[in-house]
Every structure is written in structure tokens, then in C-alpha cells.
Amino acid sequence: MKHKDVHEMFTRLFPMYSAGEYTWYPSGRNTIRIKIIENIEFIFTYHTNKCWSFETLPMYNKYRVKDC
């Protein structure tokens, strides 16, 4: 999946985050990194409608997400 498509799914699933000021970057296969205005970073990984994750960067690094 293209990173642009992953970002689109993020905005659909989390409108409260996407409504605010943030930046996003590609971060791997089916994964984007989101940095919100408070300087907090999140990782959003999307595989399917039933298999996705949204977590803080430290937790993502600690428990790497496996493909579904």
C-alpha cells in the first residue's frame, strides 16, 4: 500500500488527530510516522480494516508490529 493511502486511512479512523496540526512521514511498509504539535510521535500501521495499529513511538519500537 502506498504511504499516501495509509495516511488517508489514518485520517478516516482518527479524525480527532488529523483535524489538528501535525506532520507525517513514511516510516516503512504500510506504516507512517505522525508528529503532533505537542512534539509527540505516533506510528500508524495499516494492513486491512481489521488489522491496523496506532501507538506511540516508544511502544512501537518495543513491540514491533508483525504483519497480519
C-alpha atoms as a PDB file:
ATOM      1  CA  MET A   1       0.000   0.000   0.000  1.00  0.00           C
ATOM      2  CA  LYS A   2       1.253   3.496  -0.797  1.00  0.00           C
ATOM      3  CA  HIS A   3       2.064   5.751   2.145  1.00  0.00           C
ATOM      4  CA  LYS A   4      -0.457   8.275   0.827  1.00  0.00           C
ATOM      5  CA  ASP A   5      -3.168   5.594   1.126  1.00  0.00           C
ATOM      6  CA  VAL A   6      -2.055   4.712   4.656  1.00  0.00           C
ATOM      7  CA  HIS A   7      -2.325   8.409   5.577  1.00  0.00           C
ATOM      8  CA  GLU A   8      -5.822   8.538   4.086  1.00  0.00           C
ATOM      9  CA  MET A   9      -6.894   5.615   6.293  1.00  0.00           C
ATOM     10  CA  PHE A  10      -5.372   7.380   9.321  1.00  0.00           C
ATOM     11  CA  THR A  11      -7.480  10.481   8.651  1.00  0.00           C
ATOM     12  CA  ARG A  12     -10.622   8.341   8.322  1.00  0.00           C
ATOM     13  CA  LEU A  13     -10.014   6.354  11.508  1.00  0.00           C
ATOM     14  CA  PHE A  14      -8.671   9.204  13.668  1.00  0.00           C
ATOM     15  CA  PRO A  15     -10.347  12.481  12.674  1.00  0.00           C
ATOM     16  CA  MET A  16      -9.592  13.997  16.095  1.00  0.00           C
ATOM     17  CA  TYR A  17      -5.842  13.757  15.406  1.00  0.00           C
ATOM     18  CA  SER A  18      -6.000  14.621  11.736  1.00  0.00           C
ATOM     19  CA  ALA A  19      -8.086  17.754  12.437  1.00  0.00           C
ATOM     20  CA  GLY A  20      -5.208  19.316  14.405  1.00  0.00           C
ATOM     21  CA  GLU A  21      -1.796  20.433  13.292  1.00  0.00           C
ATOM     22  CA  TYR A  22       0.573  17.570  12.572  1.00  0.00           C
ATOM     23  CA  THR A  23       3.159  16.302  10.122  1.00  0.00           C
ATOM     24  CA  TRP A  24       3.554  12.801   8.799  1.00  0.00           C
ATOM     25  CA  TYR A  25       6.365  10.850   7.168  1.00  0.00           C
ATOM     26  CA  PRO A  26       6.704   7.441   5.531  1.00  0.00           C
ATOM     27  CA  SER A  27       8.129   5.001   8.060  1.00  0.00           C
ATOM     28  CA  GLY A  28       8.246   1.566   6.480  1.00  0.00           C
ATOM     29  CA  ARG A  29       5.953  -0.895   4.782  1.00  0.00           C
ATOM     30  CA  ASN A  30       2.297   0.167   5.318  1.00  0.00           C
ATOM     31  CA  THR A  31       3.454   2.493   8.094  1.00  0.00           C
ATOM     32  CA  ILE A  32       3.555   6.246   8.642  1.00  0.00           C
ATOM     33  CA  ARG A  33       5.006   8.316  11.467  1.00  0.00           C
ATOM     34  CA  ILE A  34       2.835  11.127  12.833  1.00  0.00           C
ATOM     35  CA  LYS A  35       4.228  14.036  14.831  1.00  0.00           C
ATOM     36  CA  ILE A  36       1.612  16.207  16.534  1.00  0.00           C
ATOM     37  CA  ILE A  37       2.070  19.786  17.678  1.00  0.00           C
ATOM     38  CA  GLU A  38       2.972  18.765  21.250  1.00  0.00           C
ATOM     39  CA  ASN A  39       6.054  17.014  19.786  1.00  0.00           C
ATOM     40  CA  ILE A  40       4.617  13.561  20.469  1.00  0.00           C
ATOM     41  CA  GLU A  41       5.263  10.935  17.817  1.00  0.00           C
ATOM     42  CA  PHE A  42       2.990   8.060  16.871  1.00  0.00           C
ATOM     43  CA  ILE A  43       3.243   5.188  14.429  1.00  0.00           C
ATOM     44  CA  PHE A  44       0.210   4.169  12.391  1.00  0.00           C
ATOM     45  CA  THR A  45       0.370   0.823  10.593  1.00  0.00           C
ATOM     46  CA  TYR A  46      -2.427  -0.283   8.292  1.00  0.00           C
ATOM     47  CA  HIS A  47      -2.808  -3.692   6.655  1.00  0.00           C
ATOM     48  CA  THR A  48      -6.591  -4.226   6.440  1.00  0.00           C
ATOM     49  CA  ASN A  49      -9.768  -2.868   8.053  1.00  0.00           C
ATOM     50  CA  LYS A  50      -9.348  -5.456  10.800  1.00  0.00           C
ATOM     51  CA  CYS A  51      -5.577  -5.293  11.113  1.00  0.00           C
ATOM     52  CA  TRP A  52      -4.085  -1.916  11.977  1.00  0.00           C
ATOM     53  CA  SER A  53      -2.328  -0.261  14.920  1.00  0.00           C
ATOM     54  CA  PHE A  54      -1.805   3.258  16.280  1.00  0.00           C
ATOM     55  CA  GLU A  55       0.765   3.574  19.036  1.00  0.00           C
ATOM     56  CA  THR A  56       3.397   5.835  20.492  1.00  0.00           C
ATOM     57  CA  LEU A  57       6.861   5.638  19.008  1.00  0.00           C
ATOM     58  CA  PRO A  58       8.449   4.093  22.153  1.00  0.00           C
ATOM     59  CA  MET A  59       5.829   1.329  22.275  1.00  0.00           C
ATOM     60  CA  TYR A  60       6.204   0.644  18.568  1.00  0.00           C
ATOM     61  CA  ASN A  61       9.948   0.280  18.990  1.00  0.00           C
ATOM     62  CA  LYS A  62       9.468  -2.010  21.991  1.00  0.00           C
ATOM     63  CA  TYR A  63       6.832  -4.289  20.434  1.00  0.00           C
ATOM     64  CA  ARG A  64       7.408  -4.255  16.684  1.00  0.00           C
ATOM     65  CA  VAL A  65       4.153  -4.923  14.829  1.00  0.00           C
ATOM     66  CA  LYS A  66       4.044  -8.168  12.867  1.00  0.00           C
ATOM     67  CA  ASP A  67       2.181  -8.491   9.588  1.00  0.00           C
ATOM     68  CA  CYS A  68      -1.323  -9.920   9.943  1.00  0.00           C
END
